[in-house]
């Protein structure tokens, strides 16, 4: 099978009512057929359990651990049934999108990290009556949390470029709204390349690095060790429009693709020329917004 999958185990508490629930949300993108599939289930907090050692998250009958994902989605109105039974193996050291000292502070409100980059996933998926076998699918185990969604962002991830299979890229371009004023965008970038982590992620050094729109994103960043410039892009049909509740109240819309394209030009301090890296229809690309000018309708 060729494509991408996003299996989400999510906890949500609405500030206005303190109502808590959890959801399982499955997205499957099939790049060769230009199709995607989205399904969601929601459960009250009483149907959920979690623990840190050993790591386990249970939402209804679905479970996530360090070594497997077992679950289903589709108890919401208009959601089709989606089942997964997957084993996780391998991986590499954790990558932090922000400087590590920020994870214990109030800023940013929304935190994100890659707990286990470059895992291998094997098992089966079932969509209605169709079953899909997965063998050594390369992916990542990610975690994001916070008291509210970032007001506006683009997020991207590449697990292995065509020319450099062990590389890993994660970045985001984000803007915050403080009262009526929007902040300038910041773009933290972390890049694992040839056995070294390049951290271009200090918030105060991340201004003015990127511009994005529907559905194209250009970025560039430099440090004393490396120069990076790149592009992530996809067609509208390659995205699913997902509706997210925001803990302070209201909704956000996530335009979500796992089959975008990426081109990256990299030049380390010791290099004489740039190296070009590509990711063909296997890049994660999300845009979070409350704007509707993209013309897409929420699917769940």
Protein backbone atom coordinates (compact mmCIF):
# COMPACT_ATOMS: atom_id res chain seq x y z
CA UNK A 1 0.00 0.00 0.00
CA UNK A 2 1.23 3.49 -0.82
CA UNK A 3 0.00 6.47 1.16
CA UNK A 4 -0.15 7.85 4.67
CA UNK A 5 -2.15 7.34 7.83
CA UNK A 6 -2.78 9.49 10.89
CA UNK A 7 -4.26 7.77 13.93
CA UNK A 8 -5.11 10.27 16.67
CA UNK A 9 -5.84 9.53 20.33
CA UNK A 10 -7.07 12.81 21.79
CA UNK A 11 -8.16 14.21 25.17
CA UNK A 12 -10.27 17.37 25.28
CA UNK A 13 -11.66 19.54 28.07
CA UNK A 14 -13.85 22.53 27.21
CA UNK A 15 -12.98 25.43 29.53
CA UNK A 16 -16.46 27.00 29.54
CA UNK A 17 -18.24 23.86 30.79
CA UNK A 18 -15.33 21.70 32.06
CA UNK A 19 -16.88 18.92 30.00
CA UNK A 20 -14.28 16.29 29.15
CA UNK A 21 -14.19 13.66 26.46
CA UNK A 22 -11.76 11.77 24.32
CA UNK A 23 -11.81 10.84 20.70
CA UNK A 24 -10.19 8.48 18.27
CA UNK A 25 -9.74 9.93 14.82
CA UNK A 26 -8.39 7.98 11.87
CA UNK A 27 -7.31 9.45 8.52
CA UNK A 28 -6.09 7.30 5.65
CA UNK A 29 -4.65 8.86 2.48
CA UNK A 30 -4.08 6.73 -0.64
CA UNK A 31 -1.68 8.64 -2.84
CA UNK A 32 -1.88 6.44 -5.94
CA UNK A 33 -5.68 6.68 -6.04
CA UNK A 34 -5.91 10.35 -4.95
CA UNK A 35 -8.43 9.38 -2.27
CA UNK A 36 -8.67 9.71 1.48
CA UNK A 37 -10.83 8.35 4.27
CA UNK A 38 -11.74 9.98 7.61
CA UNK A 39 -13.55 8.51 10.61
CA UNK A 40 -14.09 9.69 14.21
CA UNK A 41 -15.41 8.36 17.53
CA UNK A 42 -16.01 10.28 20.76
CA UNK A 43 -16.34 8.91 24.30
CA UNK A 44 -16.96 10.41 27.76
CA UNK A 45 -13.96 10.56 30.08
CA UNK A 46 -15.38 7.65 32.10
CA UNK A 47 -14.63 5.36 29.13
CA UNK A 48 -10.95 6.31 29.10
CA UNK A 49 -7.80 5.28 30.98
CA UNK A 50 -4.18 6.28 30.71
CA UNK A 51 -0.88 5.61 32.43
CA UNK A 52 2.72 6.63 31.91
CA UNK A 53 4.60 3.47 32.99
CA UNK A 54 4.12 1.35 31.00
CA UNK A 55 2.80 3.89 28.52
CA UNK A 56 -0.86 3.28 27.66
CA UNK A 57 -3.76 5.38 26.42
CA UNK A 58 -7.20 3.74 26.23
CA UNK A 59 -10.20 5.48 24.67
CA UNK A 60 -13.25 3.27 24.50
CA UNK A 61 -12.00 0.01 22.98
CA UNK A 62 -8.97 1.66 21.35
CA UNK A 63 -5.48 1.53 22.85
CA UNK A 64 -2.13 3.15 22.11
CA UNK A 65 1.15 1.93 23.62
CA UNK A 66 4.85 2.08 22.77
CA UNK A 67 4.57 -1.14 20.80
CA UNK A 68 1.11 -1.26 19.23
CA UNK A 69 -2.02 0.61 18.14
CA UNK A 70 -5.30 -1.27 18.37
CA UNK A 71 -8.59 0.48 17.79
CA UNK A 72 -11.50 1.68 15.78
CA UNK A 73 -13.34 4.86 14.87
CA UNK A 74 -16.78 5.53 13.51
CA UNK A 75 -19.39 5.93 16.26
CA UNK A 76 -20.18 9.52 15.21
CA UNK A 77 -22.99 10.35 12.83
CA UNK A 78 -21.92 9.99 9.18
CA UNK A 79 -18.59 8.38 10.19
CA UNK A 80 -17.74 5.13 8.44
CA UNK A 81 -16.21 2.24 10.35
CA UNK A 82 -12.42 2.20 10.47
CA UNK A 83 -10.38 -0.45 12.33
CA UNK A 84 -6.64 -0.75 12.90
CA UNK A 85 -4.41 -3.43 14.43
CA UNK A 86 -0.80 -2.30 14.13
CA UNK A 87 2.55 -3.16 15.72
CA UNK A 88 5.23 -0.50 16.27
CA UNK A 89 8.96 -1.28 16.26
CA UNK A 90 12.27 0.52 15.96
CA UNK A 91 12.55 4.27 16.22
CA UNK A 92 15.13 6.88 17.12
CA UNK A 93 15.73 9.49 19.87
CA UNK A 94 13.05 12.08 20.66
CA UNK A 95 13.01 15.35 18.69
CA UNK A 96 11.76 18.56 20.31
CA UNK A 97 10.36 21.25 18.01
CA UNK A 98 11.03 23.92 20.67
CA UNK A 99 14.03 24.42 22.98
CA UNK A 100 13.59 21.91 25.78
CA UNK A 101 13.42 24.52 28.56
CA UNK A 102 10.17 25.89 27.07
CA UNK A 103 8.26 22.66 27.73
CA UNK A 104 7.94 23.54 31.42
CA UNK A 105 6.86 27.14 30.77
CA UNK A 106 3.59 28.86 29.87
CA UNK A 107 4.81 29.85 26.41
CA UNK A 108 3.93 28.50 23.95
CA UNK A 109 0.44 27.44 25.08
CA UNK A 110 0.50 24.50 22.66
CA UNK A 111 3.47 22.11 22.87
CA UNK A 112 4.59 19.48 20.37
CA UNK A 113 7.30 16.84 20.21
CA UNK A 114 8.18 13.70 18.25
CA UNK A 115 8.42 11.02 20.91
CA UNK A 116 9.68 8.33 18.56
CA UNK A 117 10.75 9.38 15.06
CA UNK A 118 11.09 6.84 12.30
CA UNK A 119 9.21 3.86 13.66
CA UNK A 120 8.20 0.83 11.59
CA UNK A 121 4.50 -0.01 11.51
CA UNK A 122 3.07 -3.39 10.46
CA UNK A 123 -0.38 -4.92 10.66
CA UNK A 124 -3.79 -4.38 9.13
CA UNK A 125 -6.36 -1.66 8.47
CA UNK A 126 -10.01 -2.29 7.73
CA UNK A 127 -12.30 0.21 6.02
CA UNK A 128 -15.80 -1.18 5.88
CA UNK A 129 -15.34 -4.51 4.09
CA UNK A 130 -11.93 -3.64 2.64
CA UNK A 131 -8.81 -4.87 4.46
CA UNK A 132 -5.35 -3.40 3.84
CA UNK A 133 -2.11 -5.06 4.96
CA UNK A 134 0.76 -2.84 6.08
CA UNK A 135 4.36 -4.11 6.28
CA UNK A 136 7.26 -2.05 7.70
CA UNK A 137 5.56 1.25 6.96
CA UNK A 138 7.86 4.09 8.09
CA UNK A 139 6.20 6.66 10.34
CA UNK A 140 6.54 8.52 13.64
CA UNK A 141 4.96 8.64 17.10
CA UNK A 142 4.03 12.24 17.97
CA UNK A 143 2.46 14.13 20.86
CA UNK A 144 0.94 17.59 21.10
CA UNK A 145 -0.92 19.18 24.00
CA UNK A 146 -1.86 22.51 25.53
CA UNK A 147 -4.53 24.73 27.03
CA UNK A 148 -5.57 26.00 23.58
CA UNK A 149 -4.80 25.50 19.92
CA UNK A 150 -2.26 27.83 18.37
CA UNK A 151 -4.32 30.59 16.75
CA UNK A 152 -3.00 29.99 13.24
CA UNK A 153 -0.31 27.66 11.94
CA UNK A 154 1.15 25.44 9.27
CA UNK A 155 2.91 22.27 10.40
CA UNK A 156 5.01 19.85 8.40
CA UNK A 157 6.98 16.65 8.82
CA UNK A 158 9.09 14.41 6.59
CA UNK A 159 10.12 10.97 7.85
CA UNK A 160 12.97 10.16 5.48
CA UNK A 161 13.70 11.93 2.21
CA UNK A 162 14.12 9.93 -1.00
CA UNK A 163 17.85 10.68 -1.12
CA UNK A 164 18.51 10.33 2.63
CA UNK A 165 16.28 7.70 4.23
CA UNK A 166 17.45 8.29 7.81
CA UNK A 167 16.77 12.04 7.76
CA UNK A 168 13.86 13.66 9.60
CA UNK A 169 12.38 17.16 9.27
CA UNK A 170 9.78 18.89 11.43
CA UNK A 171 8.75 22.54 11.31
CA UNK A 172 5.87 24.89 11.98
CA UNK A 173 4.97 28.46 11.07
CA UNK A 174 2.70 29.95 13.72
CA UNK A 175 0.99 33.25 14.53
CA UNK A 176 -0.65 34.21 17.81
CA UNK A 177 -3.48 36.65 18.40
CA UNK A 178 -3.11 38.88 21.46
CA UNK A 179 -6.32 40.86 21.80
CA UNK A 180 -6.95 42.37 18.34
CA UNK A 181 -3.28 42.15 17.31
CA UNK A 182 -1.61 39.33 15.39
CA UNK A 183 2.04 38.60 16.18
CA UNK A 184 4.58 38.14 13.39
CA UNK A 185 4.95 34.49 12.42
CA UNK A 186 7.68 32.34 13.93
CA UNK A 187 9.05 29.20 12.27
CA UNK A 188 10.94 26.73 14.48
CA UNK A 189 12.71 23.98 12.52
CA UNK A 190 14.45 20.79 13.65
CA UNK A 191 16.31 18.64 11.13
CA UNK A 192 18.02 15.28 11.71
CA UNK A 193 20.57 14.78 8.93
CA UNK A 194 23.50 12.36 8.64
CA UNK A 195 23.42 11.51 12.33
CA UNK A 196 23.22 15.06 13.70
CA UNK A 197 20.30 17.17 14.96
CA UNK A 198 20.19 20.76 13.69
CA UNK A 199 18.01 22.88 15.96
CA UNK A 200 16.92 26.12 14.32
CA UNK A 201 14.14 26.54 16.83
CA UNK A 202 14.70 29.44 19.23
CA UNK A 203 11.48 31.53 19.11
CA UNK A 204 13.28 34.89 19.07
CA UNK A 205 15.47 33.79 16.14
CA UNK A 206 12.61 32.32 14.12
CA UNK A 207 10.85 35.42 12.76
CA UNK A 208 10.43 36.07 9.05
CA UNK A 209 11.49 32.64 7.86
CA UNK A 210 8.40 31.47 6.02
CA UNK A 211 5.24 32.27 4.11
CA UNK A 212 2.34 29.94 3.43
CA UNK A 213 -1.12 30.00 1.86
CA UNK A 214 -3.60 27.42 0.58
CA UNK A 215 -1.83 25.02 -0.22
CA UNK A 216 1.82 26.04 -0.53
CA UNK A 217 4.55 26.82 2.00
CA UNK A 218 8.03 28.27 1.46
CA UNK A 219 10.64 28.58 4.19
CA UNK A 220 14.33 29.30 4.77
CA UNK A 221 16.56 29.35 7.85
CA UNK A 222 20.26 29.68 8.64
CA UNK A 223 22.54 29.00 11.58
CA UNK A 224 26.30 28.88 12.03
CA UNK A 225 26.15 25.16 11.17
CA UNK A 226 23.63 24.87 8.35
CA UNK A 227 21.55 26.66 5.73
CA UNK A 228 18.11 25.32 4.83
CA UNK A 229 15.51 26.42 2.31
CA UNK A 230 12.52 24.48 1.13
CA UNK A 231 8.95 24.14 -0.03
CA UNK A 232 6.02 21.94 1.02
CA UNK A 233 2.93 21.81 -1.20
CA UNK A 234 -0.04 19.71 -2.29
CA UNK A 235 -3.26 19.90 -4.26
CA UNK A 236 -6.57 20.70 -2.48
CA UNK A 237 -7.81 17.16 -3.18
CA UNK A 238 -4.92 15.83 -1.09
CA UNK A 239 -6.32 17.38 2.11
CA UNK A 240 -9.05 16.40 4.55
CA UNK A 241 -10.83 19.24 6.38
CA UNK A 242 -11.22 18.32 10.06
CA UNK A 243 -13.16 20.26 12.67
CA UNK A 244 -11.40 20.66 16.05
CA UNK A 245 -12.91 22.00 19.25
CA UNK A 246 -10.80 24.68 20.95
CA UNK A 247 -10.58 24.34 24.78
CA UNK A 248 -11.35 28.06 25.43
CA UNK A 249 -14.43 27.65 23.21
CA UNK A 250 -15.23 27.72 19.52
CA UNK A 251 -13.81 25.68 16.65
CA UNK A 252 -10.73 25.42 14.50
CA UNK A 253 -10.41 23.76 11.11
CA UNK A 254 -7.41 21.60 10.31
CA UNK A 255 -6.61 21.08 6.64
CA UNK A 256 -4.70 17.84 6.91
CA UNK A 257 -2.63 15.94 4.35
CA UNK A 258 -0.17 13.09 4.66
CA UNK A 259 0.60 12.92 0.93
CA UNK A 260 2.09 16.35 0.25
CA UNK A 261 5.38 16.98 -1.57
CA UNK A 262 8.55 18.55 -0.19
CA UNK A 263 11.79 19.86 -1.65
CA UNK A 264 14.64 20.83 0.66
CA UNK A 265 18.02 22.40 -0.13
CA UNK A 266 20.64 21.87 2.56
CA UNK A 267 24.16 23.24 2.94
CA UNK A 268 26.22 22.47 6.03
CA UNK A 269 29.22 24.54 7.08
CA UNK A 270 31.64 22.04 5.52
CA UNK A 271 29.71 21.69 2.23
CA UNK A 272 30.64 23.54 -0.95
CA UNK A 273 27.23 23.20 -2.61
CA UNK A 274 23.62 22.62 -1.59
CA UNK A 275 22.23 19.09 -1.40
CA UNK A 276 18.70 18.68 -2.76
CA UNK A 277 16.35 16.36 -0.89
CA UNK A 278 12.84 15.40 -2.02
CA UNK A 279 9.80 13.73 -0.49
CA UNK A 280 7.29 12.69 -3.14
CA UNK A 281 3.71 12.48 -1.86
CA UNK A 282 4.64 11.30 1.63
CA UNK A 283 4.99 14.61 3.52
CA UNK A 284 2.71 15.63 6.38
CA UNK A 285 1.25 19.12 5.85
CA UNK A 286 -1.39 20.69 8.08
CA UNK A 287 -2.91 24.17 8.16
CA UNK A 288 -4.96 25.24 11.19
CA UNK A 289 -7.36 28.12 10.65
CA UNK A 290 -10.80 29.52 11.41
CA UNK A 291 -10.96 31.02 7.92
CA UNK A 292 -13.18 29.48 5.21
CA UNK A 293 -11.68 31.03 2.08
CA UNK A 294 -9.98 27.69 1.30
CA UNK A 295 -13.41 26.45 0.15
CA UNK A 296 -13.24 23.05 1.87
CA UNK A 297 -16.06 21.58 3.94
CA UNK A 298 -15.45 19.77 7.25
CA UNK A 299 -15.59 15.98 6.86
CA UNK A 300 -15.89 15.09 10.57
